[in-house]
Structure formats: C-alpha cells, structure tokens
Amino acid sequence: MAHNLNKITYRVLRYDGGWAYRIDEMLSETYDTYDAARSAADGAAKEQLSPRKAVVVPFKDRRGPWRRGRPVFRDALPSELDG
C-alpha cells in the first residue's frame, strides 16, 4: 500500500466480501476471487509504466464514494505486486 518517489506497491487484500487491490489510499473495485484481483492489480501495475496513456478505472479513496477516473501519478514509476 505504499506509493513513494521510488516505487508503487499494489497490495491485494480482502474487501467487502471479496478481494480488491490497494495503492496508497485508493482501493480498486471488488473482485470475486483473489486471482481476479491479482490479475487486475497486475494489469494496473503494467498500465502505470505508460503514464501518457489515459486509463479510466473505478476507485474509492478516503474522500468517499466509488467513482471513475484516472489516478494521477507524476511519472512512470517501477511497481510491484504484494499479495
């Protein structure tokens, strides 16, 4: 669940009766299985390496309800999958 200036970590965890992945305070949509959440996190991590590509994803953070948008990261950062 870490996002720092060197690397982004996508963490797979149980959430809302299923599985999700988390980056910092952003939480993905809920998936039925661990494998589905891990696959989605892997895809998101790969997309992060292409920052100029506009990718719209559903996410939730501490500001409230689910919404669709493009999480903003300043530059492409190496990423890892934890979980």
PDB file of N, CA and C in Angstrom:
ATOM      1  N   MET A   1       0.834  -1.169   0.000  1.00  0.00           N
ATOM      2  CA  MET A   1       0.000   0.000   0.000  1.00  0.00           C
ATOM      3  C   MET A   1       0.881   1.235   0.000  1.00  0.00           C
ATOM      4  N   ALA A   2       2.044   1.095  -0.505  1.00  0.00           N
ATOM      5  CA  ALA A   2       2.978   2.211  -0.466  1.00  0.00           C
ATOM      6  C   ALA A   2       3.104   2.871  -1.827  1.00  0.00           C
ATOM      7  N   HIS A   3       3.201   4.160  -1.801  1.00  0.00           N
ATOM      8  CA  HIS A   3       3.483   4.943  -3.001  1.00  0.00           C
ATOM      9  C   HIS A   3       4.501   5.977  -2.573  1.00  0.00           C
ATOM     10  N   ASN A   4       5.674   5.831  -3.074  1.00  0.00           N
ATOM     11  CA  ASN A   4       6.689   6.811  -2.737  1.00  0.00           C
ATOM     12  C   ASN A   4       7.355   7.282  -4.011  1.00  0.00           C
ATOM     13  N   LEU A   5       8.397   8.038  -3.907  1.00  0.00           N
ATOM     14  CA  LEU A   5       9.043   8.575  -5.088  1.00  0.00           C
ATOM     15  C   LEU A   5       9.832   7.535  -5.864  1.00  0.00           C
ATOM     16  N   ASN A   6       9.980   6.337  -5.331  1.00  0.00           N
ATOM     17  CA  ASN A   6      10.783   5.316  -5.984  1.00  0.00           C
ATOM     18  C   ASN A   6       9.993   4.167  -6.570  1.00  0.00           C
ATOM     19  N   LYS A   7       8.810   3.889  -6.005  1.00  0.00           N
ATOM     20  CA  LYS A   7       8.091   2.681  -6.412  1.00  0.00           C
ATOM     21  C   LYS A   7       6.643   2.748  -5.932  1.00  0.00           C
ATOM     22  N   ILE A   8       5.760   2.099  -6.669  1.00  0.00           N
ATOM     23  CA  ILE A   8       4.358   1.960  -6.264  1.00  0.00           C
ATOM     24  C   ILE A   8       4.115   0.490  -5.957  1.00  0.00           C
ATOM     25  N   THR A   9       3.477   0.211  -4.823  1.00  0.00           N
ATOM     26  CA  THR A   9       3.152  -1.166  -4.460  1.00  0.00           C
ATOM     27  C   THR A   9       1.649  -1.375  -4.528  1.00  0.00           C
ATOM     28  N   TYR A  10       1.237  -2.361  -5.288  1.00  0.00           N
ATOM     29  CA  TYR A  10      -0.168  -2.760  -5.398  1.00  0.00           C
ATOM     30  C   TYR A  10      -0.362  -3.928  -4.429  1.00  0.00           C
ATOM     31  N   ARG A  11      -1.229  -3.757  -3.453  1.00  0.00           N
ATOM     32  CA  ARG A  11      -1.433  -4.762  -2.418  1.00  0.00           C
ATOM     33  C   ARG A  11      -2.812  -5.398  -2.568  1.00  0.00           C
ATOM     34  N   VAL A  12      -2.868  -6.719  -2.692  1.00  0.00           N
ATOM     35  CA  VAL A  12      -4.137  -7.451  -2.812  1.00  0.00           C
ATOM     36  C   VAL A  12      -4.619  -7.792  -1.406  1.00  0.00           C
ATOM     37  N   LEU A  13      -5.915  -7.525  -1.141  1.00  0.00           N
ATOM     38  CA  LEU A  13      -6.457  -7.769   0.191  1.00  0.00           C
ATOM     39  C   LEU A  13      -7.939  -8.125   0.124  1.00  0.00           C
ATOM     40  N   ARG A  14      -8.423  -8.716   1.208  1.00  0.00           N
ATOM     41  CA  ARG A  14      -9.856  -8.999   1.319  1.00  0.00           C
ATOM     42  C   ARG A  14     -10.592  -7.688   1.530  1.00  0.00           C
ATOM     43  N   TYR A  15     -11.744  -7.542   0.839  1.00  0.00           N
ATOM     44  CA  TYR A  15     -12.508  -6.309   0.993  1.00  0.00           C
ATOM     45  C   TYR A  15     -13.957  -6.533   0.594  1.00  0.00           C
ATOM     46  N   ASP A  16     -14.873  -6.093   1.419  1.00  0.00           N
ATOM     47  CA  ASP A  16     -16.297  -6.060   1.111  1.00  0.00           C
ATOM     48  C   ASP A  16     -16.833  -7.393   0.583  1.00  0.00           C
ATOM     49  N   GLY A  17     -16.451  -8.474   1.233  1.00  0.00           N
ATOM     50  CA  GLY A  17     -16.941  -9.799   0.857  1.00  0.00           C
ATOM     51  C   GLY A  17     -16.225 -10.422  -0.327  1.00  0.00           C
ATOM     52  N   GLY A  18     -15.161  -9.794  -0.786  1.00  0.00           N
ATOM     53  CA  GLY A  18     -14.408 -10.317  -1.922  1.00  0.00           C
ATOM     54  C   GLY A  18     -12.953  -9.922  -1.795  1.00  0.00           C
ATOM     55  N   TRP A  19     -12.359  -9.572  -2.925  1.00  0.00           N
ATOM     56  CA  TRP A  19     -10.953  -9.189  -2.974  1.00  0.00           C
ATOM     57  C   TRP A  19     -10.800  -7.882  -3.730  1.00  0.00           C
ATOM     58  N   ALA A  20      -9.789  -7.108  -3.386  1.00  0.00           N
ATOM     59  CA  ALA A  20      -9.507  -5.846  -4.066  1.00  0.00           C
ATOM     60  C   ALA A  20      -8.002  -5.632  -4.018  1.00  0.00           C
ATOM     61  N   TYR A  21      -7.548  -4.610  -4.711  1.00  0.00           N
ATOM     62  CA  TYR A  21      -6.156  -4.200  -4.555  1.00  0.00           C
ATOM     63  C   TYR A  21      -6.136  -2.742  -4.129  1.00  0.00           C
ATOM     64  N   ARG A  22      -5.052  -2.388  -3.480  1.00  0.00           N
ATOM     65  CA  ARG A  22      -4.941  -1.055  -2.906  1.00  0.00           C
ATOM     66  C   ARG A  22      -3.600  -0.432  -3.287  1.00  0.00           C
ATOM     67  N   ILE A  23      -3.650   0.862  -3.574  1.00  0.00           N
ATOM     68  CA  ILE A  23      -2.449   1.661  -3.818  1.00  0.00           C
ATOM     69  C   ILE A  23      -2.610   2.871  -2.924  1.00  0.00           C
ATOM     70  N   ASP A  24      -1.698   3.072  -2.023  1.00  0.00           N
ATOM     71  CA  ASP A  24      -1.845   4.159  -1.057  1.00  0.00           C
ATOM     72  C   ASP A  24      -3.230   4.087  -0.427  1.00  0.00           C
ATOM     73  N   GLU A  25      -4.032   5.125  -0.614  1.00  0.00           N
ATOM     74  CA  GLU A  25      -5.367   5.168  -0.033  1.00  0.00           C
ATOM     75  C   GLU A  25      -6.453   4.865  -1.056  1.00  0.00           C
ATOM     76  N   MET A  26      -6.049   4.500  -2.273  1.00  0.00           N
ATOM     77  CA  MET A  26      -7.023   4.181  -3.310  1.00  0.00           C
ATOM     78  C   MET A  26      -7.293   2.683  -3.312  1.00  0.00           C
ATOM     79  N   LEU A  27      -8.555   2.348  -3.399  1.00  0.00           N
ATOM     80  CA  LEU A  27      -8.989   0.968  -3.372  1.00  0.00           C
ATOM     81  C   LEU A  27      -9.683   0.639  -4.685  1.00  0.00           C
ATOM     82  N   SER A  28      -9.370  -0.494  -5.251  1.00  0.00           N
ATOM     83  CA  SER A  28      -9.996  -0.905  -6.509  1.00  0.00           C
ATOM     84  C   SER A  28     -11.430  -1.361  -6.265  1.00  0.00           C
ATOM     85  N   GLU A  29     -12.100  -1.677  -7.353  1.00  0.00           N
ATOM     86  CA  GLU A  29     -13.409  -2.311  -7.231  1.00  0.00           C
ATOM     87  C   GLU A  29     -13.210  -3.691  -6.592  1.00  0.00           C
ATOM     88  N   THR A  30     -14.287  -4.332  -6.147  1.00  0.00           N
ATOM     89  CA  THR A  30     -14.211  -5.642  -5.511  1.00  0.00           C
ATOM     90  C   THR A  30     -14.308  -6.743  -6.559  1.00  0.00           C
ATOM     91  N   TYR A  31     -13.471  -7.748  -6.422  1.00  0.00           N
ATOM     92  CA  TYR A  31     -13.455  -8.910  -7.312  1.00  0.00           C
ATOM     93  C   TYR A  31     -13.890 -10.140  -6.531  1.00  0.00           C
ATOM     94  N   ASP A  32     -14.490 -11.094  -7.218  1.00  0.00           N
ATOM     95  CA  ASP A  32     -14.990 -12.302  -6.553  1.00  0.00           C
ATOM     96  C   ASP A  32     -13.885 -13.195  -6.022  1.00  0.00           C
ATOM     97  N   THR A  33     -12.749 -13.223  -6.714  1.00  0.00           N
ATOM     98  CA  THR A  33     -11.673 -14.125  -6.309  1.00  0.00           C
ATOM     99  C   THR A  33     -10.358 -13.385  -6.135  1.00  0.00           C
ATOM    100  N   TYR A  34      -9.484 -14.004  -5.387  1.00  0.00           N
ATOM    101  CA  TYR A  34      -8.131 -13.479  -5.209  1.00  0.00           C
ATOM    102  C   TYR A  34      -7.427 -13.382  -6.566  1.00  0.00           C
ATOM    103  N   ASP A  35      -7.553 -14.442  -7.371  1.00  0.00           N
ATOM    104  CA  ASP A  35      -6.879 -14.458  -8.666  1.00  0.00           C
ATOM    105  C   ASP A  35      -7.338 -13.321  -9.566  1.00  0.00           C
ATOM    106  N   ALA A  36      -8.629 -13.020  -9.548  1.00  0.00           N
ATOM    107  CA  ALA A  36      -9.153 -11.924 -10.368  1.00  0.00           C
ATOM    108  C   ALA A  36      -8.596 -10.576  -9.887  1.00  0.00           C
ATOM    109  N   ALA A  37      -8.536 -10.384  -8.573  1.00  0.00           N
ATOM    110  CA  ALA A  37      -7.996  -9.132  -8.024  1.00  0.00           C
ATOM    111  C   ALA A  37      -6.506  -9.018  -8.336  1.00  0.00           C
ATOM    112  N   ARG A  38      -5.786 -10.096  -8.218  1.00  0.00           N
ATOM    113  CA  ARG A  38      -4.347 -10.076  -8.502  1.00  0.00           C
ATOM    114  C   ARG A  38      -4.088  -9.793  -9.981  1.00  0.00           C
ATOM    115  N   SER A  39      -4.888 -10.381 -10.843  1.00  0.00           N
ATOM    116  CA  SER A  39      -4.756 -10.138 -12.276  1.00  0.00           C
ATOM    117  C   SER A  39      -5.036  -8.667 -12.605  1.00  0.00           C
ATOM    118  N   ALA A  40      -6.070  -8.101 -11.981  1.00  0.00           N
ATOM    119  CA  ALA A  40      -6.399  -6.687 -12.202  1.00  0.00           C
ATOM    120  C   ALA A  40      -5.276  -5.785 -11.684  1.00  0.00           C
ATOM    121  N   ALA A  41      -4.708  -6.126 -10.533  1.00  0.00           N
ATOM    122  CA  ALA A  41      -3.606  -5.346  -9.969  1.00  0.00           C
ATOM    123  C   ALA A  41      -2.382  -5.430 -10.879  1.00  0.00           C
ATOM    124  N   ASP A  42      -2.133  -6.607 -11.419  1.00  0.00           N
ATOM    125  CA  ASP A  42      -1.009  -6.780 -12.334  1.00  0.00           C
ATOM    126  C   ASP A  42      -1.209  -5.913 -13.582  1.00  0.00           C
ATOM    127  N   GLY A  43      -2.435  -5.892 -14.105  1.00  0.00           N
ATOM    128  CA  GLY A  43      -2.740  -5.057 -15.260  1.00  0.00           C
ATOM    129  C   GLY A  43      -2.568  -3.578 -14.948  1.00  0.00           C
ATOM    130  N   ALA A  44      -3.031  -3.168 -13.775  1.00  0.00           N
ATOM    131  CA  ALA A  44      -2.893  -1.766 -13.365  1.00  0.00           C
ATOM    132  C   ALA A  44      -1.419  -1.390 -13.210  1.00  0.00           C
ATOM    133  N   ALA A  45      -0.630  -2.292 -12.659  1.00  0.00           N
ATOM    134  CA  ALA A  45       0.808  -2.033 -12.486  1.00  0.00           C
ATOM    135  C   ALA A  45       1.479  -1.860 -13.844  1.00  0.00           C
ATOM    136  N   LYS A  46       1.090  -2.671 -14.812  1.00  0.00           N
ATOM    137  CA  LYS A  46       1.667  -2.557 -16.155  1.00  0.00           C
ATOM    138  C   LYS A  46       1.231  -1.257 -16.817  1.00  0.00           C
ATOM    139  N   GLU A  47      -0.017  -0.851 -16.607  1.00  0.00           N
ATOM    140  CA  GLU A  47      -0.504   0.410 -17.162  1.00  0.00           C
ATOM    141  C   GLU A  47       0.259   1.591 -16.576  1.00  0.00           C
ATOM    142  N   GLN A  48       0.664   1.493 -15.331  1.00  0.00           N
ATOM    143  CA  GLN A  48       1.388   2.578 -14.671  1.00  0.00           C
ATOM    144  C   GLN A  48       2.694   2.893 -15.387  1.00  0.00           C
ATOM    145  N   LEU A  49       3.247   1.916 -16.071  1.00  0.00           N
ATOM    146  CA  LEU A  49       4.502   2.132 -16.784  1.00  0.00           C
ATOM    147  C   LEU A  49       4.304   2.966 -18.046  1.00  0.00           C
ATOM    148  N   SER A  50       3.041   3.230 -18.429  1.00  0.00           N
ATOM    149  CA  SER A  50       2.715   4.049 -19.605  1.00  0.00           C
ATOM    150  C   SER A  50       1.902   5.253 -19.158  1.00  0.00           C
ATOM    151  N   PRO A  51       2.513   6.236 -18.498  1.00  0.00           N
ATOM    152  CA  PRO A  51       1.757   7.336 -17.908  1.00  0.00           C
ATOM    153  C   PRO A  51       1.042   8.236 -18.908  1.00  0.00           C
ATOM    154  N   ARG A  52       1.453   8.231 -20.135  1.00  0.00           N
ATOM    155  CA  ARG A  52       0.811   9.103 -21.109  1.00  0.00           C
ATOM    156  C   ARG A  52      -0.491   8.510 -21.647  1.00  0.00           C
ATOM    157  N   LYS A  53      -0.733   7.259 -21.384  1.00  0.00           N
ATOM    158  CA  LYS A  53      -1.953   6.600 -21.828  1.00  0.00           C
ATOM    159  C   LYS A  53      -3.073   6.906 -20.837  1.00  0.00           C
ATOM    160  N   ALA A  54      -4.183   7.434 -21.324  1.00  0.00           N
ATOM    161  CA  ALA A  54      -5.315   7.783 -20.452  1.00  0.00           C
ATOM    162  C   ALA A  54      -6.095   6.515 -20.102  1.00  0.00           C
ATOM    163  N   VAL A  55      -6.006   6.097 -18.871  1.00  0.00           N
ATOM    164  CA  VAL A  55      -6.701   4.910 -18.400  1.00  0.00           C
ATOM    165  C   VAL A  55      -7.695   5.339 -17.331  1.00  0.00           C
ATOM    166  N   VAL A  56      -8.959   4.997 -17.529  1.00  0.00           N
ATOM    167  CA  VAL A  56     -10.004   5.335 -16.568  1.00  0.00           C
ATOM    168  C   VAL A  56     -10.362   4.066 -15.812  1.00  0.00           C
ATOM    169  N   VAL A  57     -10.313   4.139 -14.483  1.00  0.00           N
ATOM    170  CA  VAL A  57     -10.595   2.979 -13.643  1.00  0.00           C
ATOM    171  C   VAL A  57     -11.562   3.352 -12.522  1.00  0.00           C
ATOM    172  N   PRO A  58     -12.359   2.382 -12.031  1.00  0.00           N
ATOM    173  CA  PRO A  58     -13.175   2.669 -10.852  1.00  0.00           C
ATOM    174  C   PRO A  58     -12.288   2.614  -9.613  1.00  0.00           C
ATOM    175  N   PHE A  59     -12.463   3.568  -8.697  1.00  0.00           N
ATOM    176  CA  PHE A  59     -11.682   3.545  -7.464  1.00  0.00           C
ATOM    177  C   PHE A  59     -12.427   4.261  -6.353  1.00  0.00           C
ATOM    178  N   LYS A  60     -11.971   3.999  -5.146  1.00  0.00           N
ATOM    179  CA  LYS A  60     -12.545   4.614  -3.950  1.00  0.00           C
ATOM    180  C   LYS A  60     -11.381   5.032  -3.068  1.00  0.00           C
ATOM    181  N   ASP A  61     -11.471   6.207  -2.484  1.00  0.00           N
ATOM    182  CA  ASP A  61     -10.448   6.628  -1.544  1.00  0.00           C
ATOM    183  C   ASP A  61     -11.115   7.253  -0.332  1.00  0.00           C
ATOM    184  N   ARG A  62     -10.337   7.875   0.528  1.00  0.00           N
ATOM    185  CA  ARG A  62     -10.905   8.385   1.779  1.00  0.00           C
ATOM    186  C   ARG A  62     -11.894   9.529   1.575  1.00  0.00           C
ATOM    187  N   ARG A  63     -11.960  10.086   0.374  1.00  0.00           N
ATOM    188  CA  ARG A  63     -12.894  11.184   0.133  1.00  0.00           C
ATOM    189  C   ARG A  63     -14.333  10.717  -0.059  1.00  0.00           C
ATOM    190  N   GLY A  64     -14.567   9.413  -0.181  1.00  0.00           N
ATOM    191  CA  GLY A  64     -15.960   9.000  -0.230  1.00  0.00           C
ATOM    192  C   GLY A  64     -16.303   7.935  -1.234  1.00  0.00           C
ATOM    193  N   PRO A  65     -17.394   8.144  -1.972  1.00  0.00           N
ATOM    194  CA  PRO A  65     -17.994   7.087  -2.782  1.00  0.00           C
ATOM    195  C   PRO A  65     -17.128   6.670  -3.985  1.00  0.00           C
ATOM    196  N   TRP A  66     -17.519   5.509  -4.540  1.00  0.00           N
ATOM    197  CA  TRP A  66     -16.853   4.997  -5.729  1.00  0.00           C
ATOM    198  C   TRP A  66     -17.002   6.005  -6.855  1.00  0.00           C
ATOM    199  N   ARG A  67     -15.967   6.128  -7.645  1.00  0.00           N
ATOM    200  CA  ARG A  67     -16.037   6.974  -8.829  1.00  0.00           C
ATOM    201  C   ARG A  67     -15.084   6.423  -9.879  1.00  0.00           C
ATOM    202  N   ARG A  68     -15.250   6.903 -11.080  1.00  0.00           N
ATOM    203  CA  ARG A  68     -14.349   6.500 -12.160  1.00  0.00           C
ATOM    204  C   ARG A  68     -13.440   7.672 -12.464  1.00  0.00           C
ATOM    205  N   GLY A  69     -12.204   7.384 -12.714  1.00  0.00           N
ATOM    206  CA  GLY A  69     -11.271   8.435 -13.025  1.00  0.00           C
ATOM    207  C   GLY A  69      -9.911   7.863 -13.352  1.00  0.00           C
ATOM    208  N   ARG A  70      -8.977   8.739 -13.538  1.00  0.00           N
ATOM    209  CA  ARG A  70      -7.605   8.330 -13.816  1.00  0.00           C
ATOM    210  C   ARG A  70      -6.750   8.716 -12.626  1.00  0.00           C
ATOM    211  N   PRO A  71      -6.333   7.733 -11.840  1.00  0.00           N
ATOM    212  CA  PRO A  71      -5.442   8.066 -10.735  1.00  0.00           C
ATOM    213  C   PRO A  71      -4.226   8.799 -11.280  1.00  0.00           C
ATOM    214  N   VAL A  72      -3.818   9.832 -10.605  1.00  0.00           N
ATOM    215  CA  VAL A  72      -2.729  10.670 -11.104  1.00  0.00           C
ATOM    216  C   VAL A  72      -1.440  10.365 -10.358  1.00  0.00           C
ATOM    217  N   PHE A  73      -0.449   9.968 -11.101  1.00  0.00           N
ATOM    218  CA  PHE A  73       0.896   9.804 -10.583  1.00  0.00           C
ATOM    219  C   PHE A  73       1.780  10.676 -11.457  1.00  0.00           C
ATOM    220  N   ARG A  74       2.726  11.342 -10.894  1.00  0.00           N
ATOM    221  CA  ARG A  74       3.536  12.315 -11.642  1.00  0.00           C
ATOM    222  C   ARG A  74       4.290  11.695 -12.804  1.00  0.00           C
ATOM    223  N   ASP A  75       4.958  10.598 -12.584  1.00  0.00           N
ATOM    224  CA  ASP A  75       5.777   9.972 -13.613  1.00  0.00           C
ATOM    225  C   ASP A  75       5.600   8.461 -13.538  1.00  0.00           C
ATOM    226  N   ALA A  76       6.041   7.800 -14.572  1.00  0.00           N
ATOM    227  CA  ALA A  76       6.027   6.338 -14.534  1.00  0.00           C
ATOM    228  C   ALA A  76       7.015   5.887 -13.467  1.00  0.00           C
ATOM    229  N   LEU A  77       6.552   5.042 -12.584  1.00  0.00           N
ATOM    230  CA  LEU A  77       7.406   4.531 -11.510  1.00  0.00           C
ATOM    231  C   LEU A  77       7.440   3.017 -11.589  1.00  0.00           C
ATOM    232  N   PRO A  78       8.525   2.417 -11.191  1.00  0.00           N
ATOM    233  CA  PRO A  78       8.536   0.966 -11.082  1.00  0.00           C
ATOM    234  C   PRO A  78       7.439   0.551 -10.107  1.00  0.00           C
ATOM    235  N   SER A  79       6.849  -0.585 -10.344  1.00  0.00           N
ATOM    236  CA  SER A  79       5.797  -1.046  -9.442  1.00  0.00           C
ATOM    237  C   SER A  79       6.036  -2.485  -9.063  1.00  0.00           C
ATOM    238  N   GLU A  80       5.400  -2.895  -7.975  1.00  0.00           N
ATOM    239  CA  GLU A  80       5.469  -4.287  -7.548  1.00  0.00           C
ATOM    240  C   GLU A  80       4.105  -4.699  -7.052  1.00  0.00           C
ATOM    241  N   LEU A  81       3.863  -5.996  -7.074  1.00  0.00           N
ATOM    242  CA  LEU A  81       2.602  -6.571  -6.625  1.00  0.00           C
ATOM    243  C   LEU A  81       2.863  -7.312  -5.332  1.00  0.00           C
ATOM    244  N   ASP A  82       2.113  -6.967  -4.290  1.00  0.00           N
ATOM    245  CA  ASP A  82       2.282  -7.584  -2.980  1.00  0.00           C
ATOM    246  C   ASP A  82       0.979  -8.274  -2.610  1.00  0.00           C
ATOM    247  N   GLY A  83       1.031  -9.568  -2.466  1.00  0.00           N
ATOM    248  CA  GLY A  83      -0.183 -10.294  -2.080  1.00  0.00           C
ATOM    249  C   GLY A  83      -0.590 -11.294  -3.099  1.00  0.00           C
TER     250      GLY A  83
END
